[in-house]
Amino acid sequence: MYRIIIRSSIQASDVSISADDLSTYKKFLSEFITYINNPGSIFYIDDPYLLDRLSECLKRDPLSPKGYCPLIFDSWSCFNSTPPGETQFTECPLIPDLNYDPAKYALKECNEDGTWW
């Protein structure tokens, strides 16, 4: 299954996009991207840096084996699909106002049920 979870901002809810085939997945993703680029949408991303980070995340492999946590963009960072019970690490974004620095790492844990914590 091809899956991604996208949280476009801290205020927005998670959006889960999934499909059994890559073509349908790309279609659904393309439709959602129109909301990310629409200033009137609650999913709009106005920060070019964060939009670039999302774009880089979307280049990753969205194939997620059954039971795995899916690829996720959490409004700042991207985490690959991960087996249950494992922890995924990624560099922090460069956001000086929040003391975020790429020399530091963020982590997400994949729960045994295939959901992120």
Protein backbone atom coordinates (compact mmCIF):
# COMPACT_ATOMS: atom_id res chain seq x y z
CA MET A 1 0.00 0.00 0.00
CA TYR A 2 1.18 3.54 -0.77
CA ARG A 3 0.61 5.84 2.19
CA ILE A 4 1.57 9.20 3.61
CA ILE A 5 0.33 11.30 6.49
CA ILE A 6 0.67 15.05 6.04
CA ARG A 7 0.20 17.67 8.71
CA SER A 8 0.64 20.97 6.88
CA SER A 9 0.75 23.06 10.07
CA ILE A 10 0.50 22.71 13.81
CA GLN A 11 -3.10 23.93 13.64
CA ALA A 12 -4.19 21.55 10.85
CA SER A 13 -5.27 17.99 11.39
CA ASP A 14 -3.41 15.06 9.89
CA VAL A 15 -4.41 14.10 6.37
CA SER A 16 -3.90 10.48 5.41
CA ILE A 17 -3.48 9.66 1.74
CA SER A 18 -3.40 6.03 0.71
CA ALA A 19 -4.00 3.80 -2.28
CA ASP A 20 -3.24 0.28 -3.39
CA ASP A 21 -1.50 1.43 -6.57
CA LEU A 22 1.00 4.20 -7.22
CA SER A 23 -1.05 5.87 -9.95
CA THR A 24 -4.07 6.37 -7.68
CA TYR A 25 -1.83 7.48 -4.82
CA LYS A 26 -0.23 10.15 -7.02
CA LYS A 27 -3.68 11.33 -8.14
CA PHE A 28 -4.91 11.71 -4.54
CA LEU A 29 -1.66 13.42 -3.53
CA SER A 30 -1.89 15.84 -6.45
CA GLU A 31 -5.43 16.78 -5.42
CA PHE A 32 -4.30 17.46 -1.86
CA ILE A 33 -1.36 19.59 -3.02
CA THR A 34 -3.88 22.06 -4.48
CA TYR A 35 -5.04 22.74 -0.90
CA ILE A 36 -1.48 23.20 0.33
CA ASN A 37 -0.95 25.84 -2.38
CA ASN A 38 -4.30 27.59 -1.82
CA PRO A 39 -4.04 30.62 0.56
CA GLY A 40 -7.71 30.18 1.48
CA SER A 41 -7.22 26.58 2.64
CA ILE A 42 -6.60 25.50 6.24
CA PHE A 43 -3.86 23.27 4.79
CA TYR A 44 -2.01 26.17 3.12
CA ILE A 45 1.76 26.34 3.69
CA ASP A 46 3.02 29.89 3.25
CA ASP A 47 6.59 29.36 4.44
CA PRO A 48 8.87 28.56 1.45
CA TYR A 49 11.33 26.67 3.67
CA LEU A 50 8.65 24.33 5.06
CA LEU A 51 7.09 23.95 1.62
CA ASP A 52 10.50 22.87 0.34
CA ARG A 53 10.82 20.36 3.19
CA LEU A 54 7.42 18.90 2.27
CA SER A 55 8.44 18.73 -1.39
CA GLU A 56 11.57 16.79 -0.43
CA CYS A 57 9.46 14.45 1.70
CA LEU A 58 7.14 13.76 -1.22
CA LYS A 59 10.12 12.46 -3.21
CA ARG A 60 10.58 9.60 -0.74
CA ASP A 61 9.18 6.12 -1.29
CA PRO A 62 5.56 6.02 -0.07
CA LEU A 63 5.36 2.20 -0.17
CA SER A 64 4.38 1.07 3.31
CA PRO A 65 4.20 -2.67 4.08
CA LYS A 66 1.20 -3.86 6.05
CA GLY A 67 1.57 -3.07 9.75
CA TYR A 68 4.24 -0.40 9.26
CA CYS A 69 3.86 3.23 10.24
CA PRO A 70 3.52 5.21 6.99
CA LEU A 71 5.71 7.96 5.60
CA ILE A 72 4.82 11.13 7.52
CA PHE A 73 5.41 14.87 7.23
CA ASP A 74 4.63 16.39 10.63
CA SER A 75 4.65 20.05 9.47
CA TRP A 76 8.41 20.37 9.98
CA SER A 77 10.11 17.03 9.39
CA CYS A 78 9.73 13.88 7.32
CA PHE A 79 9.94 10.34 8.65
CA ASN A 80 10.14 7.23 6.48
CA SER A 81 7.81 4.28 6.70
CA THR A 82 8.95 2.31 9.75
CA PRO A 83 8.38 -1.19 11.15
CA PRO A 84 6.35 -1.48 14.37
CA GLY A 85 8.38 -1.08 17.54
CA GLU A 86 11.18 0.91 15.88
CA THR A 87 12.21 4.54 16.23
CA GLN A 88 12.85 6.79 13.24
CA PHE A 89 15.30 9.71 13.52
CA THR A 90 15.63 12.74 11.25
CA GLU A 91 17.47 16.03 11.43
CA CYS A 92 15.57 18.98 12.83
CA PRO A 93 14.61 21.83 10.53
CA LEU A 94 16.46 25.13 10.67
CA ILE A 95 14.05 27.35 12.63
CA PRO A 96 16.21 29.63 14.82
CA ASP A 97 13.21 31.29 16.53
CA LEU A 98 12.30 27.89 17.99
CA ASN A 99 15.91 26.88 18.64
CA TYR A 100 15.60 24.15 16.00
CA ASP A 101 18.91 23.26 14.44
CA PRO A 102 19.76 20.61 11.79
CA ALA A 103 22.64 19.49 14.02
CA LYS A 104 19.94 18.15 16.39
CA TYR A 105 17.59 15.25 15.74
CA ALA A 106 13.88 14.67 16.06
CA LEU A 107 12.41 11.23 16.56
CA LYS A 108 9.14 9.41 16.13
CA GLU A 109 8.29 6.01 17.51
CA CYS A 110 6.28 3.51 15.53
CA ASN A 111 3.88 1.79 17.90
CA GLU A 112 3.29 -1.96 17.74
CA ASP A 113 -0.05 -1.30 16.02
CA GLY A 114 1.60 0.61 13.15
CA THR A 115 0.64 4.10 14.32
CA TRP A 116 3.04 6.94 15.10
CA TRP A 117 3.59 8.36 18.54
